[in-house]
């Protein structure tokens, strides 16, 4: 097994790449079958136990939530492909979810969103 950080995505993404001796089908089962995935990625760390998206045998994406405040969320994508040695190249790509993009824009000119007293 080898690992290396890969800076081929946005600066805020965390990308890890591993090569395993196991065939891609076995690695795919480890990231998609809940009982196997639970051993290394517990449901408690996920927003939902079901993947957000999936391309069978190639890529699966989950949404994670920190267990402590401020409970930040991120997307983690697992990409699986055969490597030159007959095993599996496994990429983990974690992207932060910017919760600020879901907030309404302030009507005033400063950077803060304030509520008026009722």
N, C-alpha and C. Protein backbone atom coordinates (compact mmCIF):
# COMPACT_ATOMS: atom_id res chain seq x y z
N UNK A 1 0.84 -1.17 0.00
CA UNK A 1 0.00 0.00 0.00
C UNK A 1 0.89 1.23 0.00
N UNK A 2 0.54 2.19 -0.80
CA UNK A 2 1.25 3.46 -0.79
C UNK A 2 0.23 4.58 -0.70
N UNK A 3 0.65 5.74 -0.19
CA UNK A 3 -0.27 6.86 -0.11
C UNK A 3 0.47 8.14 -0.42
N UNK A 4 -0.28 9.09 -0.99
CA UNK A 4 0.30 10.39 -1.30
C UNK A 4 -0.82 11.40 -1.43
N UNK A 5 -0.62 12.59 -0.91
CA UNK A 5 -1.60 13.66 -1.08
C UNK A 5 -1.50 14.15 -2.51
N UNK A 6 -2.65 14.39 -3.14
CA UNK A 6 -2.67 14.83 -4.52
C UNK A 6 -3.33 16.20 -4.60
N UNK A 7 -2.61 17.23 -5.02
CA UNK A 7 -3.16 18.57 -5.10
C UNK A 7 -3.84 18.86 -6.43
N UNK A 8 -4.59 17.89 -7.03
CA UNK A 8 -5.19 18.12 -8.33
C UNK A 8 -6.61 18.68 -8.24
N UNK A 9 -7.05 19.09 -7.08
CA UNK A 9 -8.38 19.67 -6.90
C UNK A 9 -8.22 21.06 -6.30
N UNK A 10 -9.34 21.65 -5.94
CA UNK A 10 -9.32 22.99 -5.35
C UNK A 10 -8.46 22.99 -4.08
N UNK A 11 -7.97 24.18 -3.72
CA UNK A 11 -7.09 24.30 -2.55
C UNK A 11 -7.74 23.82 -1.27
N UNK A 12 -9.04 23.87 -1.18
CA UNK A 12 -9.71 23.49 0.05
C UNK A 12 -10.02 21.99 0.13
N UNK A 13 -9.80 21.27 -0.95
CA UNK A 13 -10.07 19.83 -0.96
C UNK A 13 -8.89 19.07 -0.34
N UNK A 14 -9.22 17.99 0.33
CA UNK A 14 -8.21 17.07 0.83
C UNK A 14 -8.28 15.83 -0.06
N UNK A 15 -7.18 15.50 -0.71
CA UNK A 15 -7.16 14.37 -1.63
C UNK A 15 -6.06 13.41 -1.20
N UNK A 16 -6.45 12.18 -0.97
CA UNK A 16 -5.50 11.12 -0.61
C UNK A 16 -5.62 10.02 -1.65
N UNK A 17 -4.51 9.40 -1.98
CA UNK A 17 -4.51 8.32 -2.95
C UNK A 17 -3.75 7.13 -2.39
N UNK A 18 -4.35 5.96 -2.51
CA UNK A 18 -3.74 4.73 -2.01
C UNK A 18 -3.76 3.68 -3.10
N UNK A 19 -2.80 2.78 -3.08
CA UNK A 19 -2.80 1.60 -3.93
C UNK A 19 -2.91 0.39 -3.03
N UNK A 20 -3.91 -0.45 -3.32
CA UNK A 20 -4.14 -1.68 -2.55
C UNK A 20 -3.88 -2.89 -3.42
N UNK A 21 -3.48 -4.00 -2.79
CA UNK A 21 -3.31 -5.26 -3.50
C UNK A 21 -4.66 -5.89 -3.85
N UNK A 22 -5.71 -5.54 -3.10
CA UNK A 22 -7.04 -6.12 -3.29
C UNK A 22 -7.65 -5.68 -4.62
N UNK A 23 -8.47 -6.53 -5.22
CA UNK A 23 -9.12 -6.16 -6.48
C UNK A 23 -10.18 -5.06 -6.25
N UNK A 24 -10.49 -4.27 -7.28
CA UNK A 24 -11.47 -3.19 -7.14
C UNK A 24 -12.82 -3.64 -6.57
N UNK A 25 -13.26 -4.83 -6.93
CA UNK A 25 -14.56 -5.32 -6.45
C UNK A 25 -14.58 -5.44 -4.93
N UNK A 26 -13.49 -5.88 -4.35
CA UNK A 26 -13.40 -6.04 -2.90
C UNK A 26 -13.38 -4.67 -2.20
N UNK A 27 -12.64 -3.72 -2.75
CA UNK A 27 -12.60 -2.37 -2.18
C UNK A 27 -13.97 -1.71 -2.31
N UNK A 28 -14.65 -1.92 -3.44
CA UNK A 28 -15.99 -1.37 -3.64
C UNK A 28 -16.94 -1.88 -2.55
N UNK A 29 -16.90 -3.16 -2.26
CA UNK A 29 -17.76 -3.71 -1.20
C UNK A 29 -17.46 -3.05 0.15
N UNK A 30 -16.18 -2.79 0.43
CA UNK A 30 -15.79 -2.20 1.71
C UNK A 30 -16.32 -0.78 1.89
N UNK A 31 -16.55 -0.06 0.80
CA UNK A 31 -17.04 1.32 0.93
C UNK A 31 -18.54 1.45 0.71
N UNK A 32 -19.20 0.38 0.25
CA UNK A 32 -20.64 0.49 -0.04
C UNK A 32 -21.54 -0.41 0.79
N UNK A 33 -21.04 -1.50 1.31
CA UNK A 33 -21.87 -2.37 2.15
C UNK A 33 -21.82 -1.82 3.57
N UNK A 34 -22.98 -1.38 4.10
CA UNK A 34 -22.99 -0.71 5.40
C UNK A 34 -22.27 -1.45 6.52
N UNK A 35 -22.44 -2.75 6.63
CA UNK A 35 -21.80 -3.50 7.71
C UNK A 35 -20.28 -3.47 7.60
N UNK A 36 -19.75 -3.46 6.39
CA UNK A 36 -18.30 -3.38 6.20
C UNK A 36 -17.81 -1.94 6.35
N UNK A 37 -18.54 -0.99 5.77
CA UNK A 37 -18.17 0.41 5.87
C UNK A 37 -18.20 0.91 7.31
N UNK A 38 -19.13 0.42 8.10
CA UNK A 38 -19.30 0.83 9.50
C UNK A 38 -18.02 0.59 10.32
N UNK A 39 -17.21 -0.38 9.93
CA UNK A 39 -15.98 -0.70 10.67
C UNK A 39 -14.98 0.45 10.63
N UNK A 40 -14.95 1.22 9.55
CA UNK A 40 -13.95 2.28 9.41
C UNK A 40 -14.57 3.65 9.15
N UNK A 41 -15.85 3.70 8.78
CA UNK A 41 -16.57 4.96 8.61
C UNK A 41 -17.95 4.79 9.24
N UNK A 42 -18.07 5.06 10.54
CA UNK A 42 -19.32 4.80 11.27
C UNK A 42 -20.47 5.69 10.79
N UNK A 43 -21.68 5.14 10.86
CA UNK A 43 -22.89 5.90 10.51
C UNK A 43 -22.98 7.19 11.31
N UNK A 44 -22.47 7.19 12.54
CA UNK A 44 -22.54 8.38 13.39
C UNK A 44 -21.77 9.56 12.79
N UNK A 45 -20.80 9.29 11.92
CA UNK A 45 -20.02 10.35 11.26
C UNK A 45 -20.68 10.85 9.98
N UNK A 46 -21.74 10.18 9.55
CA UNK A 46 -22.41 10.52 8.31
C UNK A 46 -23.68 11.32 8.58
N UNK A 47 -24.04 12.20 7.65
CA UNK A 47 -25.33 12.91 7.74
C UNK A 47 -26.45 11.90 7.50
N UNK A 48 -26.25 11.00 6.55
CA UNK A 48 -27.20 9.93 6.25
C UNK A 48 -26.43 8.68 5.88
N UNK A 49 -26.97 7.53 6.20
CA UNK A 49 -26.26 6.27 5.94
C UNK A 49 -26.19 5.94 4.45
N UNK A 50 -27.12 6.48 3.67
CA UNK A 50 -27.13 6.21 2.24
C UNK A 50 -26.20 7.17 1.51
N UNK A 51 -25.55 6.72 0.46
CA UNK A 51 -24.69 7.62 -0.32
C UNK A 51 -25.50 8.73 -0.99
N UNK A 52 -24.86 9.89 -1.19
CA UNK A 52 -25.49 10.97 -1.93
C UNK A 52 -25.53 10.66 -3.41
N UNK A 53 -24.49 10.01 -3.91
CA UNK A 53 -24.44 9.60 -5.30
C UNK A 53 -23.52 8.39 -5.43
N UNK A 54 -23.69 7.69 -6.54
CA UNK A 54 -22.89 6.49 -6.74
C UNK A 54 -22.84 6.13 -8.22
N UNK A 55 -21.67 5.73 -8.67
CA UNK A 55 -21.48 5.14 -10.00
C UNK A 55 -20.94 3.75 -9.71
N UNK A 56 -21.75 2.74 -9.94
CA UNK A 56 -21.43 1.37 -9.52
C UNK A 56 -20.01 0.95 -9.90
N UNK A 57 -19.27 0.52 -8.88
CA UNK A 57 -17.93 0.01 -9.07
C UNK A 57 -16.85 1.06 -9.26
N UNK A 58 -17.23 2.34 -9.37
CA UNK A 58 -16.25 3.38 -9.66
C UNK A 58 -16.18 4.49 -8.62
N UNK A 59 -17.33 4.97 -8.14
CA UNK A 59 -17.31 6.15 -7.27
C UNK A 59 -18.56 6.16 -6.38
N UNK A 60 -18.35 6.54 -5.12
CA UNK A 60 -19.47 6.71 -4.19
C UNK A 60 -19.18 7.94 -3.35
N UNK A 61 -20.25 8.69 -3.04
CA UNK A 61 -20.09 9.96 -2.31
C UNK A 61 -21.04 9.99 -1.12
N UNK A 62 -20.47 10.33 0.05
CA UNK A 62 -21.23 10.46 1.29
C UNK A 62 -21.11 11.89 1.80
N UNK A 63 -22.01 12.25 2.70
CA UNK A 63 -21.91 13.55 3.37
C UNK A 63 -21.57 13.29 4.83
N UNK A 64 -20.51 13.94 5.32
CA UNK A 64 -20.03 13.77 6.69
C UNK A 64 -20.43 14.97 7.55
N UNK A 65 -20.53 14.74 8.85
CA UNK A 65 -20.77 15.83 9.80
C UNK A 65 -19.86 15.63 11.00
N UNK A 66 -19.16 16.72 11.40
CA UNK A 66 -18.31 16.66 12.59
C UNK A 66 -19.16 16.30 13.80
N UNK A 67 -18.57 15.58 14.74
CA UNK A 67 -19.31 15.17 15.94
C UNK A 67 -19.30 16.23 17.03
N UNK A 68 -18.50 17.28 16.83
CA UNK A 68 -18.41 18.35 17.83
C UNK A 68 -18.73 19.70 17.18
N UNK A 69 -19.20 20.66 17.99
CA UNK A 69 -19.50 21.99 17.45
C UNK A 69 -18.27 22.57 16.77
N UNK A 70 -18.43 23.26 15.68
CA UNK A 70 -19.67 23.79 15.09
C UNK A 70 -20.36 22.84 14.12
N UNK A 71 -20.08 21.54 14.18
CA UNK A 71 -20.74 20.52 13.38
C UNK A 71 -20.64 20.80 11.89
N UNK A 72 -19.45 21.08 11.42
CA UNK A 72 -19.23 21.34 9.99
C UNK A 72 -19.53 20.09 9.18
N UNK A 73 -19.95 20.32 7.95
CA UNK A 73 -20.25 19.21 7.05
C UNK A 73 -19.29 19.23 5.87
N UNK A 74 -19.08 18.05 5.30
CA UNK A 74 -18.24 17.93 4.12
C UNK A 74 -18.74 16.75 3.29
N UNK A 75 -18.30 16.74 2.04
CA UNK A 75 -18.58 15.60 1.15
C UNK A 75 -17.31 14.79 1.07
N UNK A 76 -17.45 13.47 1.09
CA UNK A 76 -16.29 12.61 0.86
C UNK A 76 -16.65 11.67 -0.29
N UNK A 77 -15.76 11.67 -1.28
CA UNK A 77 -15.95 10.84 -2.47
C UNK A 77 -14.85 9.79 -2.50
N UNK A 78 -15.24 8.55 -2.73
CA UNK A 78 -14.30 7.45 -2.87
C UNK A 78 -14.29 7.03 -4.34
N UNK A 79 -13.13 7.12 -4.97
CA UNK A 79 -12.98 6.72 -6.38
C UNK A 79 -12.12 5.48 -6.43
N UNK A 80 -12.58 4.51 -7.20
CA UNK A 80 -11.93 3.21 -7.28
C UNK A 80 -11.64 2.90 -8.74
N UNK A 81 -10.41 2.47 -9.01
CA UNK A 81 -10.05 2.05 -10.37
C UNK A 81 -8.93 1.03 -10.27
N UNK A 82 -8.83 0.16 -11.27
CA UNK A 82 -7.73 -0.81 -11.27
C UNK A 82 -6.39 -0.09 -11.41
N UNK A 83 -5.37 -0.60 -10.75
CA UNK A 83 -4.03 -0.03 -10.93
C UNK A 83 -3.18 -0.95 -11.81
N UNK A 84 -1.98 -0.51 -12.12
CA UNK A 84 -1.10 -1.24 -13.04
C UNK A 84 -0.66 -2.59 -12.48
N UNK A 85 -0.66 -2.74 -11.16
CA UNK A 85 -0.19 -3.97 -10.52
C UNK A 85 -1.29 -5.02 -10.37
N UNK A 86 -2.49 -4.72 -10.87
CA UNK A 86 -3.59 -5.67 -10.76
C UNK A 86 -4.42 -5.48 -9.50
N UNK A 87 -4.10 -4.48 -8.71
CA UNK A 87 -4.87 -4.17 -7.50
C UNK A 87 -5.80 -3.00 -7.74
N UNK A 88 -5.89 -2.12 -6.75
CA UNK A 88 -6.83 -1.01 -6.81
C UNK A 88 -6.16 0.30 -6.47
N UNK A 89 -6.42 1.31 -7.27
CA UNK A 89 -6.07 2.70 -6.90
C UNK A 89 -7.32 3.28 -6.25
N UNK A 90 -7.17 3.77 -5.03
CA UNK A 90 -8.28 4.25 -4.21
C UNK A 90 -8.03 5.71 -3.86
N UNK A 91 -8.92 6.60 -4.31
CA UNK A 91 -8.80 8.03 -4.01
C UNK A 91 -9.91 8.44 -3.05
N UNK A 92 -9.51 9.21 -2.06
CA UNK A 92 -10.46 9.81 -1.11
C UNK A 92 -10.38 11.31 -1.33
N UNK A 93 -11.51 11.91 -1.66
CA UNK A 93 -11.57 13.35 -1.90
C UNK A 93 -12.59 13.94 -0.93
N UNK A 94 -12.11 14.78 -0.03
CA UNK A 94 -13.00 15.41 0.94
C UNK A 94 -13.11 16.89 0.62
N UNK A 95 -14.35 17.35 0.46
CA UNK A 95 -14.62 18.74 0.11
C UNK A 95 -15.50 19.35 1.19
N UNK A 96 -15.10 20.49 1.67
CA UNK A 96 -15.87 21.19 2.69
C UNK A 96 -17.17 21.71 2.10
N UNK A 97 -18.24 21.64 2.88
CA UNK A 97 -19.51 22.25 2.50
C UNK A 97 -19.53 23.65 3.09
N UNK A 98 -19.62 24.66 2.28
CA UNK A 98 -19.62 26.03 2.76
C UNK A 98 -21.05 26.40 3.15
N UNK A 99 -21.34 26.31 4.46
CA UNK A 99 -22.70 26.58 4.91
C UNK A 99 -23.06 28.05 4.74
N UNK A 100 -22.07 28.90 4.60
CA UNK A 100 -22.36 30.32 4.44
C UNK A 100 -23.08 30.61 3.13
N UNK A 101 -22.94 29.76 2.13
CA UNK A 101 -23.60 30.01 0.85
C UNK A 101 -25.10 29.83 0.95
N UNK A 102 -25.57 29.16 1.99
CA UNK A 102 -27.01 28.95 2.16
C UNK A 102 -27.68 30.07 2.94
N UNK A 103 -26.91 31.00 3.47
CA UNK A 103 -27.48 32.09 4.24
C UNK A 103 -27.93 33.22 3.32
N UNK A 104 -29.00 33.93 3.69
CA UNK A 104 -29.42 35.05 2.86
C UNK A 104 -28.37 36.16 2.90
N UNK A 105 -28.31 36.94 1.84
CA UNK A 105 -27.37 38.05 1.76
C UNK A 105 -27.89 39.21 2.63
N UNK A 106 -26.99 39.89 3.36
CA UNK A 106 -27.43 41.01 4.18
C UNK A 106 -27.86 42.19 3.31
N UNK A 107 -28.86 42.93 3.79
CA UNK A 107 -29.35 44.09 3.05
C UNK A 107 -28.47 45.31 3.26
N UNK A 108 -27.74 45.33 4.38
CA UNK A 108 -26.85 46.47 4.64
C UNK A 108 -25.51 46.24 3.96
N UNK A 109 -24.60 47.18 4.07
CA UNK A 109 -23.33 47.09 3.35
C UNK A 109 -22.22 46.41 4.14
N UNK A 110 -22.45 46.11 5.40
CA UNK A 110 -21.38 45.43 6.13
C UNK A 110 -21.48 43.93 5.92
N UNK A 111 -20.61 43.18 6.55
CA UNK A 111 -20.52 41.75 6.28
C UNK A 111 -21.39 40.89 7.16
N UNK A 112 -22.13 41.48 8.06
CA UNK A 112 -22.86 40.70 9.06
C UNK A 112 -24.36 40.66 8.75
N UNK A 113 -24.96 39.54 9.02
CA UNK A 113 -26.40 39.40 8.88
C UNK A 113 -27.01 39.61 10.27
N UNK A 114 -27.87 40.59 10.42
CA UNK A 114 -28.47 40.89 11.71
C UNK A 114 -29.98 40.78 11.60
N UNK A 115 -30.60 40.46 12.71
CA UNK A 115 -32.04 40.41 12.77
C UNK A 115 -32.56 41.62 13.52
N UNK A 116 -33.66 42.13 13.07
CA UNK A 116 -34.28 43.25 13.77
C UNK A 116 -35.16 42.71 14.89
N UNK A 117 -35.22 43.45 15.98
CA UNK A 117 -36.09 43.04 17.09
C UNK A 117 -37.54 43.21 16.68
N UNK A 118 -38.36 42.29 17.09
CA UNK A 118 -39.78 42.36 16.72
C UNK A 118 -40.59 43.12 17.73
